[in-house]
Amino acid sequence: MTDAESLQAAIHEEVALRAYDPHWPAMFEAERERLLALFPGDFIAIEHMGSTAVPGLAAKPVIDILGGVASMAAARALVAPLCAQGYTASAEFNATLVDRQWLMRWADGHRTHHLHLVVHGSPVWAQRLQFRDALRADAALAWHYAALKAELAAKYPADREAYTDAKAEFVRSVCEG
């Protein structure tokens, strides 16, 4: 699958939430170890983020990984080597991003992982982890987020961008709250 085809497939893939899978942390850990072995010294830290990182939370079954690097130049330099190791990326999409680079990993025709390369310690790094940690620490907050996600998945089943955009205010309110 070409990068352009993978981006189009990702954009048009159905928004389908799944019940929490206790295998998600192990899937993250396996990919974390693989990345650290393939690219020793390139990552400052690698964290599990997103809904699959919150025990009990329904999610799209894609493991979101936050890869902390020293600079955006380092992030951009990792894209091609990561693509040689099973990821795909859209150069056009990544060119629009100033604070991260985004890659996908596929298996059996479905996305399995998203890798977000960001500067370690940057506001993006801190916000992603703050949101994850808030959901892990507060069951009521996680429940509200789950309800919002279910509502939005029903409203935007074929529009992942609209689904993601519609969650942004909730995320912002948690991180600024």
Protein backbone atom coordinates (compact mmCIF):
# COMPACT_ATOMS: atom_id res chain seq x y z
CA MET A 1 0.00 0.00 0.00
CA THR A 2 1.43 3.37 -0.96
CA ASP A 3 1.60 6.22 1.55
CA ALA A 4 -1.20 8.05 -0.28
CA GLU A 5 -3.36 4.91 -0.30
CA SER A 6 -2.73 4.29 3.40
CA LEU A 7 -3.70 7.86 4.28
CA GLN A 8 -6.91 7.60 2.26
CA ALA A 9 -7.71 4.23 3.86
CA ALA A 10 -7.13 5.74 7.31
CA ILE A 11 -9.30 8.76 6.61
CA HIS A 12 -12.17 6.62 5.33
CA GLU A 13 -11.93 3.78 7.83
CA GLU A 14 -15.08 3.43 9.93
CA VAL A 15 -15.07 4.92 13.42
CA ALA A 16 -15.72 1.73 15.35
CA LEU A 17 -15.15 1.61 19.09
CA ARG A 18 -14.36 -1.69 20.78
CA ALA A 19 -14.65 -2.69 24.41
CA TYR A 20 -11.38 -2.40 26.32
CA ASP A 21 -9.00 -5.19 25.44
CA PRO A 22 -6.58 -6.20 28.22
CA HIS A 23 -4.05 -7.12 25.50
CA TRP A 24 -3.60 -3.48 24.44
CA PRO A 25 -0.88 -2.69 27.03
CA ALA A 26 1.12 -5.74 25.92
CA MET A 27 0.71 -4.72 22.27
CA PHE A 28 2.10 -1.30 23.17
CA GLU A 29 4.98 -2.78 25.13
CA ALA A 30 5.93 -5.13 22.29
CA GLU A 31 6.02 -2.25 19.81
CA ARG A 32 7.90 -0.04 22.26
CA GLU A 33 10.57 -2.71 22.66
CA ARG A 34 10.74 -3.21 18.88
CA LEU A 35 11.22 0.53 18.29
CA LEU A 36 13.89 0.82 20.98
CA ALA A 37 15.77 -2.15 19.51
CA LEU A 38 15.54 -0.84 15.94
CA PHE A 39 16.45 2.75 16.82
CA PRO A 40 18.69 2.71 19.89
CA GLY A 41 19.38 6.21 21.12
CA ASP A 42 16.83 7.93 18.85
CA PHE A 43 13.99 8.01 21.38
CA ILE A 44 14.25 9.82 24.70
CA ALA A 45 11.07 8.09 25.85
CA ILE A 46 8.17 6.12 24.39
CA GLU A 47 4.75 6.26 26.07
CA HIS A 48 1.38 4.59 25.54
CA MET A 49 -1.27 7.26 25.08
CA GLY A 50 -4.83 7.56 23.90
CA SER A 51 -7.82 5.49 24.90
CA THR A 52 -6.09 2.13 24.58
CA ALA A 53 -3.80 3.31 27.41
CA VAL A 54 -6.71 3.76 29.85
CA PRO A 55 -7.84 0.52 31.52
CA GLY A 56 -11.55 -0.12 30.97
CA LEU A 57 -12.04 2.55 28.29
CA ALA A 58 -13.60 1.61 24.95
CA ALA A 59 -11.46 2.65 22.01
CA LYS A 60 -10.75 2.31 18.35
CA PRO A 61 -8.46 -0.74 18.39
CA VAL A 62 -5.34 1.21 17.36
CA ILE A 63 -2.44 1.55 19.80
CA ASP A 64 -1.39 5.21 20.07
CA ILE A 65 2.30 5.65 20.79
CA LEU A 66 4.00 8.88 21.81
CA GLY A 67 7.63 8.86 20.74
CA GLY A 68 9.69 11.55 22.43
CA VAL A 69 12.67 12.78 20.41
CA ALA A 70 15.18 15.60 20.84
CA SER A 71 13.87 17.90 18.08
CA MET A 72 11.47 18.13 15.18
CA ALA A 73 14.48 17.64 12.89
CA ALA A 74 15.09 14.33 14.66
CA ALA A 75 11.41 13.41 14.23
CA ARG A 76 11.49 14.18 10.50
CA ALA A 77 14.74 12.21 10.12
CA LEU A 78 13.10 9.12 11.65
CA VAL A 79 10.14 8.99 9.24
CA ALA A 80 11.89 7.22 6.35
CA PRO A 81 13.69 4.67 8.56
CA LEU A 82 10.40 3.94 10.36
CA CYS A 83 8.67 3.44 7.01
CA ALA A 84 11.39 0.94 6.11
CA GLN A 85 10.39 -0.94 9.30
CA GLY A 86 6.67 -1.34 8.63
CA TYR A 87 5.15 2.09 9.17
CA THR A 88 3.53 4.29 6.55
CA ALA A 89 3.33 8.06 6.55
CA SER A 90 1.91 10.81 4.41
CA ALA A 91 4.60 13.33 3.49
CA GLU A 92 1.85 15.74 2.45
CA PHE A 93 0.02 15.43 5.77
CA ASN A 94 3.19 15.54 7.86
CA ALA A 95 4.28 18.69 6.00
CA THR A 96 1.22 20.43 7.51
CA LEU A 97 2.26 19.53 11.06
CA VAL A 98 4.61 21.81 12.98
CA ASP A 99 4.63 20.01 16.34
CA ARG A 100 4.74 16.33 15.41
CA GLN A 101 5.17 13.70 12.74
CA TRP A 102 2.52 11.00 12.38
CA LEU A 103 2.89 7.43 11.16
CA MET A 104 0.69 4.35 10.95
CA ARG A 105 1.37 0.65 11.13
CA TRP A 106 -0.91 -1.87 9.43
CA ALA A 107 -1.64 -5.60 9.73
CA ASP A 108 -4.27 -7.63 7.89
CA GLY A 109 -5.66 -4.51 6.19
CA HIS A 110 -6.28 -2.59 9.43
CA ARG A 111 -4.30 -0.03 11.34
CA THR A 112 -2.72 -1.45 14.46
CA HIS A 113 -0.56 1.46 15.67
CA HIS A 114 -0.26 5.22 15.38
CA LEU A 115 3.14 6.68 16.17
CA HIS A 116 3.27 10.36 17.09
CA LEU A 117 6.83 11.70 17.05
CA VAL A 118 7.06 14.83 19.20
CA VAL A 119 9.74 16.76 21.03
CA HIS A 120 10.18 15.18 24.45
CA GLY A 121 9.05 17.61 27.15
CA SER A 122 7.26 19.90 24.68
CA PRO A 123 3.73 21.21 25.29
CA VAL A 124 2.35 18.50 22.97
CA TRP A 125 4.22 15.80 24.92
CA ALA A 126 2.96 17.15 28.24
CA GLN A 127 -0.65 17.59 27.07
CA ARG A 128 -0.96 14.06 25.66
CA LEU A 129 0.34 12.52 28.87
CA GLN A 130 -1.68 14.87 31.08
CA PHE A 131 -4.89 13.80 29.34
CA ARG A 132 -4.03 10.10 29.59
CA ASP A 133 -3.12 10.42 33.27
CA ALA A 134 -6.30 12.37 34.07
CA LEU A 135 -8.44 9.62 32.54
CA ARG A 136 -6.50 6.92 34.38
CA ALA A 137 -6.90 8.74 37.70
CA ASP A 138 -10.60 9.67 37.49
CA ALA A 139 -13.12 6.95 36.64
CA ALA A 140 -15.97 9.46 36.34
CA LEU A 141 -13.99 11.56 33.87
CA ALA A 142 -13.13 8.44 31.86
CA TRP A 143 -16.81 7.46 31.87
CA HIS A 144 -17.81 10.90 30.52
CA TYR A 145 -15.17 10.65 27.83
CA ALA A 146 -16.39 7.16 26.88
CA ALA A 147 -19.95 8.45 26.59
CA LEU A 148 -18.82 11.36 24.42
CA LYS A 149 -16.81 9.03 22.18
CA ALA A 150 -19.78 6.68 21.75
CA GLU A 151 -22.05 9.60 20.86
CA LEU A 152 -19.53 10.98 18.35
CA ALA A 153 -18.83 7.56 16.80
CA ALA A 154 -22.57 7.22 16.16
CA LYS A 155 -22.74 10.76 14.74
CA TYR A 156 -19.61 10.49 12.55
CA PRO A 157 -19.24 6.78 11.71
CA ALA A 158 -17.57 7.48 8.36
CA ASP A 159 -15.70 10.70 9.19
CA ARG A 160 -12.69 10.15 11.43
CA GLU A 161 -11.54 13.75 11.14
CA ALA A 162 -14.90 15.09 12.33
CA TYR A 163 -14.92 12.51 15.15
CA THR A 164 -11.44 13.58 16.28
CA ASP A 165 -12.19 17.30 15.92
CA ALA A 166 -15.38 16.94 17.97
CA LYS A 167 -13.41 15.45 20.89
CA ALA A 168 -10.92 18.34 20.94
CA GLU A 169 -12.88 20.63 23.27
CA PHE A 170 -13.25 17.87 25.88
CA VAL A 171 -9.52 17.15 25.73
CA ARG A 172 -8.72 20.86 25.97
CA SER A 173 -11.04 21.31 28.97
CA VAL A 174 -9.38 18.43 30.84
CA CYS A 175 -5.88 19.71 30.15
CA GLU A 176 -6.70 23.32 31.04
CA GLY A 177 -9.04 22.44 33.89
